[in-house]
């Protein structure tokens, strides 16, 4: 399956549907108060860049976002691939695009929060294979048994 990944607005019906599917997927995995979701309107903010993966027919099959926090910190948000295409490296492609953009923007530390438990095993594998390591609480997230935190140090861009 040929997949393309590009920066797009999340304010499209098919991307909204993808984010709805992500929210539905997460709902049974963690208590609602421990789910830190961005709405598509928040994802459309100036501090966030959204990547959308599309199949050869143009259908949105995955997404992920980079949220910039300043001081060299960026956050991976809203990572999701449709269950029907998992195992085809779409998540890795999205995460690579996010990481490359973060480097281009001068981010030196990329962080993320995800859930805990068996429902997140695929996410752990994705992040760890992409060079992320577990760390303590990041940003303003609460310390909770329902959250796992990861970070990846990025090389500084060469001086120009």
N, C-alpha and C. Protein backbone atom coordinates (compact mmCIF):
# COMPACT_ATOMS: atom_id res chain seq x y z
N UNK A 1 0.85 -1.18 0.00
CA UNK A 1 0.00 0.00 0.00
C UNK A 1 0.88 1.23 0.00
N UNK A 2 0.64 2.11 -0.95
CA UNK A 2 1.37 3.37 -1.04
C UNK A 2 0.74 4.38 -0.09
N UNK A 3 1.56 4.95 0.77
CA UNK A 3 1.09 5.94 1.75
C UNK A 3 1.85 7.25 1.51
N UNK A 4 1.13 8.34 1.55
CA UNK A 4 1.77 9.66 1.50
C UNK A 4 1.49 10.36 2.82
N UNK A 5 2.45 11.14 3.27
CA UNK A 5 2.31 11.91 4.51
C UNK A 5 2.59 13.37 4.19
N UNK A 6 1.70 14.25 4.62
CA UNK A 6 1.86 15.67 4.36
C UNK A 6 1.27 16.49 5.51
N UNK A 7 1.74 17.72 5.63
CA UNK A 7 1.16 18.66 6.58
C UNK A 7 -0.19 19.09 6.01
N UNK A 8 -1.21 18.99 6.85
CA UNK A 8 -2.56 19.37 6.43
C UNK A 8 -3.28 20.03 7.60
N UNK A 9 -4.35 20.71 7.29
CA UNK A 9 -5.20 21.24 8.34
C UNK A 9 -6.03 20.09 8.92
N UNK A 10 -6.23 20.08 10.23
CA UNK A 10 -7.10 19.06 10.81
C UNK A 10 -8.58 19.40 10.63
N UNK A 11 -8.87 20.57 10.10
CA UNK A 11 -10.25 21.04 9.98
C UNK A 11 -10.90 20.54 8.69
N UNK A 12 -10.67 19.28 8.37
CA UNK A 12 -11.27 18.62 7.22
C UNK A 12 -12.14 17.49 7.75
N UNK A 13 -13.23 17.21 7.07
CA UNK A 13 -14.16 16.19 7.56
C UNK A 13 -13.49 14.84 7.77
N UNK A 14 -12.65 14.41 6.84
CA UNK A 14 -12.04 13.08 6.99
C UNK A 14 -11.00 13.05 8.11
N UNK A 15 -10.34 14.16 8.36
CA UNK A 15 -9.38 14.22 9.47
C UNK A 15 -10.14 14.29 10.79
N UNK A 16 -11.23 15.04 10.82
CA UNK A 16 -12.08 15.05 12.01
C UNK A 16 -12.57 13.63 12.33
N UNK A 17 -12.96 12.89 11.32
CA UNK A 17 -13.43 11.51 11.53
C UNK A 17 -12.30 10.64 12.06
N UNK A 18 -11.08 10.85 11.56
CA UNK A 18 -9.92 10.10 12.04
C UNK A 18 -9.67 10.39 13.52
N UNK A 19 -9.73 11.66 13.89
CA UNK A 19 -9.53 12.05 15.30
C UNK A 19 -10.67 11.50 16.17
N UNK A 20 -11.89 11.49 15.65
CA UNK A 20 -13.01 10.86 16.39
C UNK A 20 -12.72 9.39 16.62
N UNK A 21 -12.19 8.70 15.60
CA UNK A 21 -11.85 7.28 15.77
C UNK A 21 -10.75 7.10 16.81
N UNK A 22 -9.78 8.00 16.81
CA UNK A 22 -8.72 7.96 17.83
C UNK A 22 -9.34 8.11 19.22
N UNK A 23 -10.21 9.08 19.38
CA UNK A 23 -10.85 9.30 20.68
C UNK A 23 -11.66 8.08 21.11
N UNK A 24 -12.39 7.47 20.17
CA UNK A 24 -13.16 6.26 20.48
C UNK A 24 -12.25 5.12 20.88
N UNK A 25 -11.10 5.01 20.21
CA UNK A 25 -10.13 3.97 20.53
C UNK A 25 -9.58 4.13 21.95
N UNK A 26 -9.32 5.37 22.34
CA UNK A 26 -8.72 5.64 23.65
C UNK A 26 -9.71 5.53 24.81
N UNK A 27 -10.97 5.78 24.53
CA UNK A 27 -11.97 5.87 25.60
C UNK A 27 -11.95 4.71 26.59
N UNK A 28 -11.92 3.44 26.15
CA UNK A 28 -11.93 2.35 27.13
C UNK A 28 -10.57 2.04 27.76
N UNK A 29 -9.51 2.71 27.31
CA UNK A 29 -8.16 2.34 27.74
C UNK A 29 -7.69 3.04 29.01
N UNK A 30 -8.25 4.20 29.32
CA UNK A 30 -7.82 4.98 30.48
C UNK A 30 -9.02 5.76 31.02
N UNK A 31 -8.98 6.11 32.30
CA UNK A 31 -10.05 6.97 32.82
C UNK A 31 -10.07 8.29 32.02
N UNK A 32 -11.24 8.79 31.77
CA UNK A 32 -11.39 10.00 30.94
C UNK A 32 -10.58 11.18 31.49
N UNK A 33 -10.48 11.29 32.81
CA UNK A 33 -9.72 12.41 33.39
C UNK A 33 -8.22 12.25 33.17
N UNK A 34 -7.79 11.10 32.70
CA UNK A 34 -6.37 10.86 32.42
C UNK A 34 -6.08 10.83 30.92
N UNK A 35 -7.02 11.34 30.14
CA UNK A 35 -6.84 11.42 28.69
C UNK A 35 -6.69 12.89 28.32
N UNK A 36 -5.59 13.22 27.70
CA UNK A 36 -5.24 14.61 27.43
C UNK A 36 -5.31 14.88 25.93
N UNK A 37 -6.53 14.96 25.45
CA UNK A 37 -6.80 15.07 24.02
C UNK A 37 -6.83 16.52 23.58
N UNK A 38 -6.29 16.74 22.40
CA UNK A 38 -6.45 18.04 21.73
C UNK A 38 -7.63 17.90 20.78
N UNK A 39 -8.47 18.90 20.73
CA UNK A 39 -9.54 18.93 19.73
C UNK A 39 -8.91 19.29 18.38
N UNK A 40 -9.66 19.06 17.31
CA UNK A 40 -9.13 19.46 16.01
C UNK A 40 -8.96 20.98 15.94
N UNK A 41 -9.80 21.71 16.64
CA UNK A 41 -9.64 23.17 16.67
C UNK A 41 -8.32 23.55 17.37
N UNK A 42 -8.00 22.88 18.46
CA UNK A 42 -6.71 23.12 19.12
C UNK A 42 -5.55 22.69 18.23
N UNK A 43 -5.73 21.58 17.53
CA UNK A 43 -4.69 21.09 16.63
C UNK A 43 -4.42 22.08 15.48
N UNK A 44 -5.40 22.89 15.16
CA UNK A 44 -5.25 23.88 14.08
C UNK A 44 -4.56 25.15 14.55
N UNK A 45 -4.16 25.21 15.82
CA UNK A 45 -3.49 26.40 16.35
C UNK A 45 -2.12 26.62 15.75
N UNK A 46 -1.61 27.84 15.89
CA UNK A 46 -0.32 28.22 15.33
C UNK A 46 0.85 27.44 15.93
N UNK A 47 0.68 26.89 17.13
CA UNK A 47 1.77 26.17 17.79
C UNK A 47 1.82 24.69 17.43
N UNK A 48 0.92 24.25 16.55
CA UNK A 48 0.81 22.82 16.23
C UNK A 48 0.81 22.60 14.73
N UNK A 49 1.59 21.60 14.31
CA UNK A 49 1.63 21.18 12.91
C UNK A 49 1.11 19.75 12.84
N UNK A 50 0.11 19.53 12.00
CA UNK A 50 -0.53 18.23 11.87
C UNK A 50 -0.09 17.55 10.58
N UNK A 51 0.30 16.29 10.72
CA UNK A 51 0.63 15.45 9.58
C UNK A 51 -0.49 14.44 9.38
N UNK A 52 -0.89 14.24 8.14
CA UNK A 52 -1.93 13.27 7.80
C UNK A 52 -1.34 12.27 6.82
N UNK A 53 -1.56 10.99 7.11
CA UNK A 53 -1.17 9.91 6.20
C UNK A 53 -2.39 9.54 5.38
N UNK A 54 -2.18 9.41 4.08
CA UNK A 54 -3.27 9.05 3.17
C UNK A 54 -2.86 7.85 2.33
N UNK A 55 -3.84 6.99 2.06
CA UNK A 55 -3.58 5.83 1.21
C UNK A 55 -3.63 6.24 -0.26
N UNK A 56 -3.44 5.27 -1.15
CA UNK A 56 -3.38 5.58 -2.59
C UNK A 56 -4.69 6.13 -3.14
N UNK A 57 -5.78 5.96 -2.39
CA UNK A 57 -7.08 6.51 -2.80
C UNK A 57 -7.38 7.87 -2.15
N UNK A 58 -6.41 8.37 -1.39
CA UNK A 58 -6.58 9.67 -0.75
C UNK A 58 -7.32 9.64 0.57
N UNK A 59 -7.59 8.44 1.10
CA UNK A 59 -8.28 8.34 2.38
C UNK A 59 -7.31 8.58 3.54
N UNK A 60 -7.74 9.36 4.52
CA UNK A 60 -6.93 9.61 5.71
C UNK A 60 -6.87 8.33 6.55
N UNK A 61 -5.65 7.81 6.74
CA UNK A 61 -5.48 6.55 7.47
C UNK A 61 -4.62 6.70 8.73
N UNK A 62 -4.07 7.88 8.94
CA UNK A 62 -3.25 8.11 10.12
C UNK A 62 -2.98 9.58 10.31
N UNK A 63 -2.59 9.92 11.54
CA UNK A 63 -2.25 11.31 11.84
C UNK A 63 -1.30 11.37 13.01
N UNK A 64 -0.70 12.51 13.15
CA UNK A 64 0.18 12.81 14.27
C UNK A 64 0.49 14.29 14.20
N UNK A 65 0.92 14.86 15.31
CA UNK A 65 1.15 16.31 15.34
C UNK A 65 2.37 16.65 16.19
N UNK A 66 2.96 17.78 15.86
CA UNK A 66 4.02 18.38 16.64
C UNK A 66 3.47 19.65 17.26
N UNK A 67 3.48 19.70 18.59
CA UNK A 67 3.09 20.92 19.30
C UNK A 67 4.35 21.53 19.88
N UNK A 68 4.59 22.79 19.56
CA UNK A 68 5.78 23.49 20.05
C UNK A 68 5.48 24.18 21.38
N UNK A 69 6.38 23.99 22.34
CA UNK A 69 6.20 24.58 23.66
C UNK A 69 7.22 25.68 23.96
N UNK A 70 8.15 25.92 23.06
CA UNK A 70 9.18 26.92 23.31
C UNK A 70 10.35 26.32 24.08
N UNK A 71 11.42 27.09 24.20
CA UNK A 71 12.62 26.67 24.91
C UNK A 71 13.16 25.33 24.41
N UNK A 72 12.99 25.06 23.11
CA UNK A 72 13.55 23.85 22.53
C UNK A 72 12.75 22.58 22.77
N UNK A 73 11.54 22.71 23.32
CA UNK A 73 10.72 21.53 23.62
C UNK A 73 9.57 21.43 22.64
N UNK A 74 9.42 20.24 22.08
CA UNK A 74 8.29 19.93 21.23
C UNK A 74 7.61 18.68 21.76
N UNK A 75 6.34 18.55 21.46
CA UNK A 75 5.56 17.42 21.96
C UNK A 75 4.87 16.70 20.81
N UNK A 76 4.96 15.38 20.82
CA UNK A 76 4.23 14.55 19.86
C UNK A 76 2.81 14.39 20.40
N UNK A 77 1.84 14.70 19.56
CA UNK A 77 0.43 14.62 19.96
C UNK A 77 -0.37 13.87 18.90
N UNK A 78 -1.48 13.29 19.32
CA UNK A 78 -2.53 12.74 18.48
C UNK A 78 -2.04 11.71 17.46
N UNK A 79 -1.11 10.86 17.87
CA UNK A 79 -0.62 9.79 16.99
C UNK A 79 -1.69 8.70 16.88
N UNK A 80 -2.01 8.34 15.63
CA UNK A 80 -3.02 7.30 15.42
C UNK A 80 -2.93 6.78 14.00
N UNK A 81 -3.06 5.47 13.86
CA UNK A 81 -3.25 4.86 12.54
C UNK A 81 -4.46 3.95 12.63
N UNK A 82 -5.18 3.89 11.55
CA UNK A 82 -6.36 3.02 11.52
C UNK A 82 -5.93 1.58 11.72
N UNK A 83 -6.70 0.81 12.49
CA UNK A 83 -6.33 -0.59 12.75
C UNK A 83 -6.11 -1.41 11.48
N UNK A 84 -6.81 -1.09 10.41
CA UNK A 84 -6.69 -1.87 9.17
C UNK A 84 -5.34 -1.72 8.48
N UNK A 85 -4.56 -0.70 8.84
CA UNK A 85 -3.26 -0.51 8.19
C UNK A 85 -2.09 -0.61 9.16
N UNK A 86 -2.37 -0.98 10.39
CA UNK A 86 -1.27 -1.13 11.36
C UNK A 86 -0.33 -2.23 10.91
N UNK A 87 0.93 -2.07 11.26
CA UNK A 87 1.95 -3.02 10.85
C UNK A 87 2.58 -2.68 9.51
N UNK A 88 2.16 -1.59 8.89
CA UNK A 88 2.69 -1.19 7.58
C UNK A 88 3.61 0.03 7.69
N UNK A 89 4.07 0.34 8.90
CA UNK A 89 5.04 1.40 9.19
C UNK A 89 4.50 2.82 8.96
N UNK A 90 3.19 2.96 8.95
CA UNK A 90 2.60 4.29 8.80
C UNK A 90 2.91 5.13 10.03
N UNK A 91 2.80 4.55 11.21
CA UNK A 91 3.13 5.28 12.44
C UNK A 91 4.58 5.74 12.44
N UNK A 92 5.48 4.87 12.00
CA UNK A 92 6.90 5.24 11.93
C UNK A 92 7.13 6.38 10.94
N UNK A 93 6.44 6.33 9.82
CA UNK A 93 6.56 7.38 8.82
C UNK A 93 6.07 8.71 9.38
N UNK A 94 4.94 8.68 10.07
CA UNK A 94 4.41 9.90 10.69
C UNK A 94 5.38 10.43 11.75
N UNK A 95 5.88 9.53 12.59
CA UNK A 95 6.79 9.96 13.66
C UNK A 95 8.09 10.50 13.09
N UNK A 96 8.58 9.92 12.00
CA UNK A 96 9.78 10.46 11.34
C UNK A 96 9.52 11.86 10.82
N UNK A 97 8.35 12.08 10.22
CA UNK A 97 8.02 13.41 9.70
C UNK A 97 7.96 14.43 10.84
N UNK A 98 7.35 14.04 11.95
CA UNK A 98 7.27 14.94 13.11
C UNK A 98 8.66 15.24 13.65
N UNK A 99 9.49 14.22 13.77
CA UNK A 99 10.85 14.39 14.28
C UNK A 99 11.67 15.29 13.37
N UNK A 100 11.57 15.08 12.06
CA UNK A 100 12.33 15.91 11.12
C UNK A 100 11.89 17.37 11.17
N UNK A 101 10.60 17.60 11.27
CA UNK A 101 10.12 18.98 11.40
C UNK A 101 10.61 19.60 12.71
N UNK A 102 10.55 18.82 13.78
CA UNK A 102 11.03 19.32 15.07
C UNK A 102 12.49 19.76 14.97
N UNK A 103 13.32 18.94 14.34
CA UNK A 103 14.73 19.31 14.15
C UNK A 103 14.84 20.60 13.34
N UNK A 104 14.07 20.68 12.26
CA UNK A 104 14.11 21.88 11.41
C UNK A 104 13.70 23.13 12.17
N UNK A 105 12.83 22.99 13.15
CA UNK A 105 12.34 24.12 13.93
C UNK A 105 13.22 24.40 15.15
N UNK A 106 14.31 23.65 15.31
CA UNK A 106 15.23 23.90 16.41
C UNK A 106 14.82 23.26 17.72
N UNK A 107 13.88 22.32 17.67
CA UNK A 107 13.51 21.58 18.88
C UNK A 107 14.68 20.68 19.26
N UNK A 108 15.07 20.70 20.52
CA UNK A 108 16.17 19.85 20.97
C UNK A 108 15.70 18.70 21.85
N UNK A 109 14.47 18.80 22.35
CA UNK A 109 13.91 17.73 23.17
C UNK A 109 12.46 17.50 22.74
N UNK A 110 12.19 16.30 22.28
CA UNK A 110 10.86 15.91 21.86
C UNK A 110 10.28 15.01 22.94
N UNK A 111 9.08 15.32 23.43
CA UNK A 111 8.47 14.58 24.53
C UNK A 111 7.07 14.12 24.13
N UNK A 112 6.54 13.19 24.90
CA UNK A 112 5.16 12.77 24.69
C UNK A 112 4.62 12.09 25.94
N UNK A 113 3.30 12.11 26.02
CA UNK A 113 2.57 11.40 27.08
C UNK A 113 1.66 10.41 26.37
N UNK A 114 1.63 9.20 26.88
CA UNK A 114 0.71 8.19 26.38
C UNK A 114 0.16 7.42 27.57
N UNK A 115 -0.77 6.53 27.30
CA UNK A 115 -1.39 5.77 28.38
C UNK A 115 -0.54 4.59 28.81
N UNK A 116 -1.05 3.86 29.79
CA UNK A 116 -0.38 2.67 30.28
C UNK A 116 -1.28 1.46 30.09
N UNK A 117 -0.68 0.31 30.15
CA UNK A 117 -1.44 -0.93 30.04
C UNK A 117 -1.29 -1.59 28.69
N UNK A 118 -1.84 -2.80 28.55
CA UNK A 118 -1.66 -3.59 27.33
C UNK A 118 -2.16 -2.91 26.06
N UNK A 119 -3.15 -2.04 26.16
CA UNK A 119 -3.68 -1.36 24.99
C UNK A 119 -2.71 -0.38 24.36
N UNK A 120 -1.59 -0.12 25.03
CA UNK A 120 -0.61 0.84 24.53
C UNK A 120 0.70 0.17 24.11
N UNK A 121 0.74 -1.15 24.09
CA UNK A 121 1.97 -1.87 23.77
C UNK A 121 2.52 -1.49 22.38
N UNK A 122 1.63 -1.37 21.40
CA UNK A 122 2.09 -0.99 20.05
C UNK A 122 2.70 0.41 20.06
N UNK A 123 2.10 1.30 20.81
CA UNK A 123 2.64 2.67 20.90
C UNK A 123 4.03 2.65 21.53
N UNK A 124 4.20 1.88 22.60
CA UNK A 124 5.52 1.79 23.24
C UNK A 124 6.56 1.31 22.25
N UNK A 125 6.23 0.26 21.49
CA UNK A 125 7.17 -0.28 20.50
C UNK A 125 7.54 0.79 19.47
N UNK A 126 6.54 1.48 18.98
CA UNK A 126 6.79 2.53 17.99
C UNK A 126 7.75 3.58 18.54
N UNK A 127 7.47 4.09 19.72
CA UNK A 127 8.30 5.15 20.28
C UNK A 127 9.71 4.66 20.58
N UNK A 128 9.82 3.48 21.17
CA UNK A 128 11.14 2.97 21.53
C UNK A 128 11.97 2.64 20.30
N UNK A 129 11.36 2.09 19.25
CA UNK A 129 12.09 1.82 18.00
C UNK A 129 12.52 3.11 17.32
N UNK A 130 11.84 4.20 17.63
CA UNK A 130 12.17 5.50 17.03
C UNK A 130 13.14 6.30 17.89
N UNK A 131 13.69 5.68 18.93
CA UNK A 131 14.71 6.33 19.73
C UNK A 131 14.22 7.07 20.95
N UNK A 132 12.94 6.95 21.28
CA UNK A 132 12.42 7.56 22.51
C UNK A 132 12.72 6.66 23.69
N UNK A 133 12.95 7.28 24.84
CA UNK A 133 13.16 6.52 26.08
C UNK A 133 12.19 7.02 27.13
N UNK A 134 11.85 6.12 28.05
CA UNK A 134 10.96 6.51 29.15
C UNK A 134 11.64 7.57 29.99
N UNK A 135 10.83 8.45 30.53
CA UNK A 135 11.35 9.52 31.38
C UNK A 135 10.29 9.84 32.43
N UNK A 136 10.61 10.77 33.29
CA UNK A 136 9.65 11.23 34.29
C UNK A 136 8.60 12.14 33.67
N UNK A 137 7.76 12.67 34.50
CA UNK A 137 6.67 13.54 34.06
C UNK A 137 7.22 14.69 33.22
N UNK A 138 6.51 15.01 32.15
CA UNK A 138 6.91 16.11 31.26
C UNK A 138 5.83 17.19 31.25
N UNK A 139 6.29 18.39 30.91
CA UNK A 139 5.41 19.55 30.77
C UNK A 139 4.53 19.70 32.01
N UNK A 140 3.24 19.96 31.83
CA UNK A 140 2.37 20.17 32.99
C UNK A 140 1.43 19.00 33.24
N UNK A 141 1.80 17.82 32.74
CA UNK A 141 0.97 16.64 32.98
C UNK A 141 1.05 16.23 34.44
N UNK A 142 -0.03 15.69 34.98
CA UNK A 142 0.04 15.17 36.35
C UNK A 142 0.78 13.84 36.38
N UNK A 143 1.38 13.55 37.50
CA UNK A 143 2.03 12.24 37.70
C UNK A 143 0.91 11.25 38.00
N UNK A 144 0.73 10.26 37.13
CA UNK A 144 -0.39 9.35 37.26
C UNK A 144 0.03 7.95 36.84
N UNK A 145 -0.56 6.95 37.46
CA UNK A 145 -0.31 5.57 37.06
C UNK A 145 -0.88 5.28 35.68
N UNK A 146 -1.68 6.17 35.15
CA UNK A 146 -2.30 5.99 33.84
C UNK A 146 -1.52 6.66 32.71
N UNK A 147 -0.39 7.27 33.03
CA UNK A 147 0.42 7.95 32.02
C UNK A 147 1.83 7.38 31.98
N UNK A 148 2.34 7.25 30.76
CA UNK A 148 3.75 6.93 30.53
C UNK A 148 4.32 8.10 29.74
N UNK A 149 5.55 8.47 30.07
CA UNK A 149 6.18 9.63 29.44
C UNK A 149 7.45 9.18 28.71
N UNK A 150 7.67 9.78 27.56
CA UNK A 150 8.84 9.47 26.74
C UNK A 150 9.50 10.77 26.30
N UNK A 151 10.81 10.66 26.01
CA UNK A 151 11.55 11.79 25.47
C UNK A 151 12.57 11.30 24.46
N UNK A 152 12.97 12.22 23.60
CA UNK A 152 14.02 11.95 22.63
C UNK A 152 14.82 13.24 22.49
N UNK A 153 16.11 13.13 22.73
CA UNK A 153 16.99 14.29 22.56
C UNK A 153 17.32 14.39 21.08
N UNK A 154 17.18 15.58 20.53
CA UNK A 154 17.48 15.81 19.12
C UNK A 154 18.76 16.60 18.99
N UNK A 155 19.55 16.27 17.99
CA UNK A 155 20.80 17.00 17.75
C UNK A 155 20.48 18.43 17.36
N UNK A 156 21.31 19.32 17.78
CA UNK A 156 21.15 20.71 17.38
C UNK A 156 21.42 20.83 15.88
N UNK A 157 20.69 21.68 15.23
CA UNK A 157 20.93 21.93 13.82
C UNK A 157 22.28 22.63 13.65
N UNK A 158 23.01 22.30 12.59
CA UNK A 158 24.30 22.96 12.38
C UNK A 158 24.11 24.47 12.16
N UNK A 159 25.05 25.24 12.65
CA UNK A 159 24.99 26.69 12.47
C UNK A 159 25.13 27.03 10.99
N UNK A 160 24.39 28.03 10.55
CA UNK A 160 24.43 28.41 9.14
C UNK A 160 25.01 29.78 8.97
